[in-house]
Amino acid sequence: MQLSTETFVHLNQLRRGQMAVVEEVDCQGTEGAHLASMGLSVGCVLQVLMPGTPCAVAVGETRLMLRCEQCRAIRVSPL
């Protein structure tokens, strides 16, 4: 069963403590590769540690601080 993209939200719409599955990372070039190298890629599960700008997320044991434009480029399915 494939989910409709209408069920996806941007990362910056999640609340503190909320978990989600990454469905799309719309970052091109080295920025997208850099995020992927830190574990943030399609299919991974993340948890919002600190919403806002910047946004802090946990991907496994990795903690990432993301800028506002990065958060808007990441679409997730909330769990």
PDB file of N, CA and C in Angstrom:
ATOM      1  N   MET A   1       0.839  -1.181   0.000  1.00  0.00           N
ATOM      2  CA  MET A   1       0.000   0.000   0.000  1.00  0.00           C
ATOM      3  C   MET A   1       0.885   1.247   0.000  1.00  0.00           C
ATOM      4  N   GLN A   2       0.657   2.141  -0.919  1.00  0.00           N
ATOM      5  CA  GLN A   2       1.436   3.361  -1.024  1.00  0.00           C
ATOM      6  C   GLN A   2       0.655   4.509  -0.394  1.00  0.00           C
ATOM      7  N   LEU A   3       1.361   5.286   0.442  1.00  0.00           N
ATOM      8  CA  LEU A   3       0.722   6.436   1.073  1.00  0.00           C
ATOM      9  C   LEU A   3       0.627   7.588   0.102  1.00  0.00           C
ATOM     10  N   SER A   4      -0.425   8.371   0.231  1.00  0.00           N
ATOM     11  CA  SER A   4      -0.565   9.584  -0.565  1.00  0.00           C
ATOM     12  C   SER A   4       0.407  10.623  -0.022  1.00  0.00           C
ATOM     13  N   THR A   5       1.003  11.409  -0.920  1.00  0.00           N
ATOM     14  CA  THR A   5       1.912  12.454  -0.465  1.00  0.00           C
ATOM     15  C   THR A   5       1.181  13.509   0.352  1.00  0.00           C
ATOM     16  N   GLU A   6      -0.153  13.499   0.334  1.00  0.00           N
ATOM     17  CA  GLU A   6      -0.920  14.441   1.143  1.00  0.00           C
ATOM     18  C   GLU A   6      -0.798  14.127   2.627  1.00  0.00           C
ATOM     19  N   THR A   7      -0.387  12.897   2.979  1.00  0.00           N
ATOM     20  CA  THR A   7      -0.215  12.539   4.384  1.00  0.00           C
ATOM     21  C   THR A   7       1.157  12.957   4.907  1.00  0.00           C
ATOM     22  N   PHE A   8       2.026  13.397   4.024  1.00  0.00           N
ATOM     23  CA  PHE A   8       3.361  13.834   4.420  1.00  0.00           C
ATOM     24  C   PHE A   8       3.303  15.277   4.914  1.00  0.00           C
ATOM     25  N   VAL A   9       4.179  15.605   5.854  1.00  0.00           N
ATOM     26  CA  VAL A   9       4.304  16.980   6.336  1.00  0.00           C
ATOM     27  C   VAL A   9       5.780  17.362   6.287  1.00  0.00           C
ATOM     28  N   HIS A  10       6.041  18.645   6.324  1.00  0.00           N
ATOM     29  CA  HIS A  10       7.424  19.111   6.382  1.00  0.00           C
ATOM     30  C   HIS A  10       7.946  18.919   7.803  1.00  0.00           C
ATOM     31  N   LEU A  11       9.213  18.641   7.914  1.00  0.00           N
ATOM     32  CA  LEU A  11       9.841  18.381   9.207  1.00  0.00           C
ATOM     33  C   LEU A  11       9.569  19.495  10.210  1.00  0.00           C
ATOM     34  N   ASN A  12       9.518  20.744   9.732  1.00  0.00           N
ATOM     35  CA  ASN A  12       9.324  21.868  10.649  1.00  0.00           C
ATOM     36  C   ASN A  12       7.908  21.942  11.217  1.00  0.00           C
ATOM     37  N   GLN A  13       7.022  21.017  10.822  1.00  0.00           N
ATOM     38  CA  GLN A  13       5.658  20.995  11.344  1.00  0.00           C
ATOM     39  C   GLN A  13       5.503  20.035  12.531  1.00  0.00           C
ATOM     40  N   LEU A  14       6.560  19.309  12.867  1.00  0.00           N
ATOM     41  CA  LEU A  14       6.486  18.363  13.970  1.00  0.00           C
ATOM     42  C   LEU A  14       6.743  19.042  15.314  1.00  0.00           C
ATOM     43  N   ARG A  15       6.239  18.400  16.383  1.00  0.00           N
ATOM     44  CA  ARG A  15       6.415  18.906  17.747  1.00  0.00           C
ATOM     45  C   ARG A  15       7.587  18.203  18.433  1.00  0.00           C
ATOM     46  N   ARG A  16       8.027  18.768  19.539  1.00  0.00           N
ATOM     47  CA  ARG A  16       9.095  18.179  20.347  1.00  0.00           C
ATOM     48  C   ARG A  16       8.703  16.754  20.748  1.00  0.00           C
ATOM     49  N   GLY A  17       9.623  15.820  20.571  1.00  0.00           N
ATOM     50  CA  GLY A  17       9.397  14.436  20.941  1.00  0.00           C
ATOM     51  C   GLY A  17       8.716  13.592  19.879  1.00  0.00           C
ATOM     52  N   GLN A  18       8.147  14.228  18.871  1.00  0.00           N
ATOM     53  CA  GLN A  18       7.429  13.494  17.839  1.00  0.00           C
ATOM     54  C   GLN A  18       8.416  12.730  16.948  1.00  0.00           C
ATOM     55  N   MET A  19       8.000  11.533  16.557  1.00  0.00           N
ATOM     56  CA  MET A  19       8.817  10.699  15.678  1.00  0.00           C
ATOM     57  C   MET A  19       8.168  10.631  14.303  1.00  0.00           C
ATOM     58  N   ALA A  20       8.986  10.374  13.290  1.00  0.00           N
ATOM     59  CA  ALA A  20       8.489  10.325  11.920  1.00  0.00           C
ATOM     60  C   ALA A  20       9.437   9.514  11.050  1.00  0.00           C
ATOM     61  N   VAL A  21       8.909   9.071   9.920  1.00  0.00           N
ATOM     62  CA  VAL A  21       9.705   8.393   8.898  1.00  0.00           C
ATOM     63  C   VAL A  21       9.949   9.391   7.779  1.00  0.00           C
ATOM     64  N   VAL A  22      11.188   9.515   7.341  1.00  0.00           N
ATOM     65  CA  VAL A  22      11.530  10.426   6.252  1.00  0.00           C
ATOM     66  C   VAL A  22      11.038   9.828   4.936  1.00  0.00           C
ATOM     67  N   GLU A  23      10.238  10.609   4.206  1.00  0.00           N
ATOM     68  CA  GLU A  23       9.677  10.174   2.929  1.00  0.00           C
ATOM     69  C   GLU A  23      10.338  10.841   1.729  1.00  0.00           C
ATOM     70  N   GLU A  24      10.876  12.044   1.937  1.00  0.00           N
ATOM     71  CA  GLU A  24      11.491  12.783   0.821  1.00  0.00           C
ATOM     72  C   GLU A  24      12.503  13.766   1.387  1.00  0.00           C
ATOM     73  N   VAL A  25      13.671  13.829   0.748  1.00  0.00           N
ATOM     74  CA  VAL A  25      14.689  14.821   1.086  1.00  0.00           C
ATOM     75  C   VAL A  25      14.979  15.576  -0.197  1.00  0.00           C
ATOM     76  N   ASP A  26      14.497  16.815  -0.271  1.00  0.00           N
ATOM     77  CA  ASP A  26      14.622  17.610  -1.487  1.00  0.00           C
ATOM     78  C   ASP A  26      15.808  18.561  -1.386  1.00  0.00           C
ATOM     79  N   CYS A  27      16.979  17.991  -1.136  1.00  0.00           N
ATOM     80  CA  CYS A  27      18.231  18.751  -1.090  1.00  0.00           C
ATOM     81  C   CYS A  27      19.122  18.184  -2.180  1.00  0.00           C
ATOM     82  N   GLN A  28      19.659  19.026  -2.990  1.00  0.00           N
ATOM     83  CA  GLN A  28      20.461  18.593  -4.124  1.00  0.00           C
ATOM     84  C   GLN A  28      21.951  18.672  -3.815  1.00  0.00           C
ATOM     85  N   GLY A  29      22.712  17.988  -4.597  1.00  0.00           N
ATOM     86  CA  GLY A  29      24.163  18.090  -4.567  1.00  0.00           C
ATOM     87  C   GLY A  29      24.787  17.685  -3.257  1.00  0.00           C
ATOM     88  N   THR A  30      25.785  18.459  -2.854  1.00  0.00           N
ATOM     89  CA  THR A  30      26.559  18.103  -1.666  1.00  0.00           C
ATOM     90  C   THR A  30      25.738  18.184  -0.382  1.00  0.00           C
ATOM     91  N   GLU A  31      24.751  19.075  -0.326  1.00  0.00           N
ATOM     92  CA  GLU A  31      23.938  19.186   0.882  1.00  0.00           C
ATOM     93  C   GLU A  31      23.135  17.909   1.120  1.00  0.00           C
ATOM     94  N   GLY A  32      22.507  17.383   0.073  1.00  0.00           N
ATOM     95  CA  GLY A  32      21.770  16.129   0.183  1.00  0.00           C
ATOM     96  C   GLY A  32      22.687  14.964   0.531  1.00  0.00           C
ATOM     97  N   ALA A  33      23.853  14.924  -0.076  1.00  0.00           N
ATOM     98  CA  ALA A  33      24.822  13.864   0.207  1.00  0.00           C
ATOM     99  C   ALA A  33      25.326  13.960   1.641  1.00  0.00           C
ATOM    100  N   HIS A  34      25.529  15.181   2.120  1.00  0.00           N
ATOM    101  CA  HIS A  34      25.998  15.391   3.490  1.00  0.00           C
ATOM    102  C   HIS A  34      24.952  14.901   4.497  1.00  0.00           C
ATOM    103  N   LEU A  35      23.676  15.246   4.281  1.00  0.00           N
ATOM    104  CA  LEU A  35      22.616  14.777   5.170  1.00  0.00           C
ATOM    105  C   LEU A  35      22.532  13.255   5.152  1.00  0.00           C
ATOM    106  N   ALA A  36      22.619  12.664   3.964  1.00  0.00           N
ATOM    107  CA  ALA A  36      22.559  11.205   3.841  1.00  0.00           C
ATOM    108  C   ALA A  36      23.729  10.545   4.558  1.00  0.00           C
ATOM    109  N   SER A  37      24.909  11.156   4.485  1.00  0.00           N
ATOM    110  CA  SER A  37      26.082  10.572   5.145  1.00  0.00           C
ATOM    111  C   SER A  37      25.939  10.578   6.663  1.00  0.00           C
ATOM    112  N   MET A  38      25.076  11.451   7.187  1.00  0.00           N
ATOM    113  CA  MET A  38      24.833  11.501   8.628  1.00  0.00           C
ATOM    114  C   MET A  38      23.618  10.669   9.025  1.00  0.00           C
ATOM    115  N   GLY A  39      23.040   9.946   8.052  1.00  0.00           N
ATOM    116  CA  GLY A  39      21.936   9.052   8.346  1.00  0.00           C
ATOM    117  C   GLY A  39      20.562   9.579   8.010  1.00  0.00           C
ATOM    118  N   LEU A  40      20.447  10.836   7.599  1.00  0.00           N
ATOM    119  CA  LEU A  40      19.146  11.405   7.280  1.00  0.00           C
ATOM    120  C   LEU A  40      18.845  11.165   5.807  1.00  0.00           C
ATOM    121  N   SER A  41      18.103  10.095   5.549  1.00  0.00           N
ATOM    122  CA  SER A  41      17.752   9.732   4.183  1.00  0.00           C
ATOM    123  C   SER A  41      16.362   9.112   4.179  1.00  0.00           C
ATOM    124  N   VAL A  42      15.814   8.916   2.992  1.00  0.00           N
ATOM    125  CA  VAL A  42      14.478   8.344   2.849  1.00  0.00           C
ATOM    126  C   VAL A  42      14.424   6.990   3.557  1.00  0.00           C
ATOM    127  N   GLY A  43      13.382   6.816   4.370  1.00  0.00           N
ATOM    128  CA  GLY A  43      13.174   5.564   5.086  1.00  0.00           C
ATOM    129  C   GLY A  43      13.662   5.553   6.517  1.00  0.00           C
ATOM    130  N   CYS A  44      14.494   6.541   6.887  1.00  0.00           N
ATOM    131  CA  CYS A  44      14.991   6.544   8.262  1.00  0.00           C
ATOM    132  C   CYS A  44      13.924   7.097   9.212  1.00  0.00           C
ATOM    133  N   VAL A  45      14.034   6.696  10.467  1.00  0.00           N
ATOM    134  CA  VAL A  45      13.139   7.203  11.511  1.00  0.00           C
ATOM    135  C   VAL A  45      13.899   8.254  12.291  1.00  0.00           C
ATOM    136  N   LEU A  46      13.252   9.391  12.546  1.00  0.00           N
ATOM    137  CA  LEU A  46      13.884  10.453  13.323  1.00  0.00           C
ATOM    138  C   LEU A  46      12.958  10.889  14.447  1.00  0.00           C
ATOM    139  N   GLN A  47      13.528  11.596  15.407  1.00  0.00           N
ATOM    140  CA  GLN A  47      12.756  12.177  16.501  1.00  0.00           C
ATOM    141  C   GLN A  47      13.143  13.639  16.639  1.00  0.00           C
ATOM    142  N   VAL A  48      12.146  14.498  16.785  1.00  0.00           N
ATOM    143  CA  VAL A  48      12.404  15.927  16.968  1.00  0.00           C
ATOM    144  C   VAL A  48      12.813  16.163  18.416  1.00  0.00           C
ATOM    145  N   LEU A  49      14.006  16.689  18.603  1.00  0.00           N
ATOM    146  CA  LEU A  49      14.493  17.020  19.938  1.00  0.00           C
ATOM    147  C   LEU A  49      14.154  18.458  20.299  1.00  0.00           C
ATOM    148  N   MET A  50      14.239  19.345  19.314  1.00  0.00           N
ATOM    149  CA  MET A  50      13.960  20.757  19.530  1.00  0.00           C
ATOM    150  C   MET A  50      13.371  21.334  18.248  1.00  0.00           C
ATOM    151  N   PRO A  51      12.072  21.631  18.235  1.00  0.00           N
ATOM    152  CA  PRO A  51      11.491  22.250  17.045  1.00  0.00           C
ATOM    153  C   PRO A  51      11.924  23.711  16.939  1.00  0.00           C
ATOM    154  N   GLY A  52      11.700  24.288  15.797  1.00  0.00           N
ATOM    155  CA  GLY A  52      12.030  25.705  15.618  1.00  0.00           C
ATOM    156  C   GLY A  52      13.177  25.886  14.656  1.00  0.00           C
ATOM    157  N   THR A  53      13.828  27.039  14.765  1.00  0.00           N
ATOM    158  CA  THR A  53      14.947  27.365  13.894  1.00  0.00           C
ATOM    159  C   THR A  53      16.147  27.751  14.732  1.00  0.00           C
ATOM    160  N   PRO A  54      17.209  26.977  14.730  1.00  0.00           N
ATOM    161  CA  PRO A  54      17.354  25.709  14.028  1.00  0.00           C
ATOM    162  C   PRO A  54      16.559  24.608  14.727  1.00  0.00           C
ATOM    163  N   CYS A  55      16.375  23.516  14.031  1.00  0.00           N
ATOM    164  CA  CYS A  55      15.641  22.355  14.531  1.00  0.00           C
ATOM    165  C   CYS A  55      16.657  21.265  14.861  1.00  0.00           C
ATOM    166  N   ALA A  56      16.500  20.627  16.011  1.00  0.00           N
ATOM    167  CA  ALA A  56      17.388  19.521  16.392  1.00  0.00           C
ATOM    168  C   ALA A  56      16.618  18.216  16.263  1.00  0.00           C
ATOM    169  N   VAL A  57      17.229  17.238  15.598  1.00  0.00           N
ATOM    170  CA  VAL A  57      16.614  15.923  15.439  1.00  0.00           C
ATOM    171  C   VAL A  57      17.623  14.840  15.799  1.00  0.00           C
ATOM    172  N   ALA A  58      17.091  13.689  16.173  1.00  0.00           N
ATOM    173  CA  ALA A  58      17.918  12.512  16.414  1.00  0.00           C
ATOM    174  C   ALA A  58      17.614  11.495  15.330  1.00  0.00           C
ATOM    175  N   VAL A  59      18.663  11.000  14.712  1.00  0.00           N
ATOM    176  CA  VAL A  59      18.555   9.926  13.725  1.00  0.00           C
ATOM    177  C   VAL A  59      19.460   8.818  14.258  1.00  0.00           C
ATOM    178  N   GLY A  60      18.842   7.825  14.889  1.00  0.00           N
ATOM    179  CA  GLY A  60      19.646   6.807  15.575  1.00  0.00           C
ATOM    180  C   GLY A  60      20.407   7.474  16.709  1.00  0.00           C
ATOM    181  N   GLU A  61      21.708   7.280  16.743  1.00  0.00           N
ATOM    182  CA  GLU A  61      22.552   7.890  17.779  1.00  0.00           C
ATOM    183  C   GLU A  61      23.097   9.258  17.351  1.00  0.00           C
ATOM    184  N   THR A  62      22.779   9.686  16.135  1.00  0.00           N
ATOM    185  CA  THR A  62      23.278  10.951  15.607  1.00  0.00           C
ATOM    186  C   THR A  62      22.315  12.083  15.913  1.00  0.00           C
ATOM    187  N   ARG A  63      22.843  13.209  16.369  1.00  0.00           N
ATOM    188  CA  ARG A  63      22.054  14.418  16.620  1.00  0.00           C
ATOM    189  C   ARG A  63      22.416  15.435  15.553  1.00  0.00           C
ATOM    190  N   LEU A  64      21.384  16.002  14.917  1.00  0.00           N
ATOM    191  CA  LEU A  64      21.598  16.972  13.838  1.00  0.00           C
ATOM    192  C   LEU A  64      20.878  18.271  14.135  1.00  0.00           C
ATOM    193  N   MET A  65      21.495  19.382  13.798  1.00  0.00           N
ATOM    194  CA  MET A  65      20.866  20.703  13.832  1.00  0.00           C
ATOM    195  C   MET A  65      20.633  21.101  12.388  1.00  0.00           C
ATOM    196  N   LEU A  66      19.380  21.405  12.064  1.00  0.00           N
ATOM    197  CA  LEU A  66      19.011  21.722  10.685  1.00  0.00           C
ATOM    198  C   LEU A  66      18.486  23.141  10.579  1.00  0.00           C
ATOM    199  N   ARG A  67      18.881  23.823   9.513  1.00  0.00           N
ATOM    200  CA  ARG A  67      18.390  25.178   9.246  1.00  0.00           C
ATOM    201  C   ARG A  67      16.946  25.111   8.756  1.00  0.00           C
ATOM    202  N   CYS A  68      16.270  26.224   8.808  1.00  0.00           N
ATOM    203  CA  CYS A  68      14.863  26.323   8.418  1.00  0.00           C
ATOM    204  C   CYS A  68      14.635  25.801   7.000  1.00  0.00           C
ATOM    205  N   GLU A  69      15.469  26.191   6.052  1.00  0.00           N
ATOM    206  CA  GLU A  69      15.273  25.764   4.664  1.00  0.00           C
ATOM    207  C   GLU A  69      15.498  24.257   4.512  1.00  0.00           C
ATOM    208  N   GLN A  70      16.375  23.671   5.326  1.00  0.00           N
ATOM    209  CA  GLN A  70      16.556  22.219   5.293  1.00  0.00           C
ATOM    210  C   GLN A  70      15.306  21.519   5.818  1.00  0.00           C
ATOM    211  N   CYS A  71      14.722  22.034   6.897  1.00  0.00           N
ATOM    212  CA  CYS A  71      13.507  21.444   7.466  1.00  0.00           C
ATOM    213  C   CYS A  71      12.356  21.468   6.467  1.00  0.00           C
ATOM    214  N   ARG A  72      12.253  22.547   5.713  1.00  0.00           N
ATOM    215  CA  ARG A  72      11.189  22.640   4.708  1.00  0.00           C
ATOM    216  C   ARG A  72      11.429  21.695   3.534  1.00  0.00           C
ATOM    217  N   ALA A  73      12.664  21.275   3.324  1.00  0.00           N
ATOM    218  CA  ALA A  73      13.011  20.379   2.213  1.00  0.00           C
ATOM    219  C   ALA A  73      12.842  18.906   2.571  1.00  0.00           C
ATOM    220  N   ILE A  74      12.539  18.621   3.842  1.00  0.00           N
ATOM    221  CA  ILE A  74      12.398  17.245   4.312  1.00  0.00           C
ATOM    222  C   ILE A  74      10.937  16.981   4.630  1.00  0.00           C
ATOM    223  N   ARG A  75      10.358  16.000   3.915  1.00  0.00           N
ATOM    224  CA  ARG A  75       8.952  15.639   4.153  1.00  0.00           C
ATOM    225  C   ARG A  75       8.919  14.290   4.846  1.00  0.00           C
ATOM    226  N   VAL A  76       8.038  14.196   5.841  1.00  0.00           N
ATOM    227  CA  VAL A  76       7.988  13.010   6.692  1.00  0.00           C
ATOM    228  C   VAL A  76       6.551  12.511   6.879  1.00  0.00           C
ATOM    229  N   SER A  77       6.445  11.259   7.336  1.00  0.00           N
ATOM    230  CA  SER A  77       5.172  10.686   7.774  1.00  0.00           C
ATOM    231  C   SER A  77       5.248  10.562   9.297  1.00  0.00           C
ATOM    232  N   PRO A  78       4.471  11.349  10.024  1.00  0.00           N
ATOM    233  CA  PRO A  78       4.504  11.263  11.491  1.00  0.00           C
ATOM    234  C   PRO A  78       4.095   9.868  11.967  1.00  0.00           C
ATOM    235  N   LEU A  79       4.706   9.417  13.042  1.00  0.00           N
ATOM    236  CA  LEU A  79       4.363   8.127  13.650  1.00  0.00           C
ATOM    237  C   LEU A  79       3.486   8.354  14.872  1.00  0.00           C
TER     238      LEU A  79
END
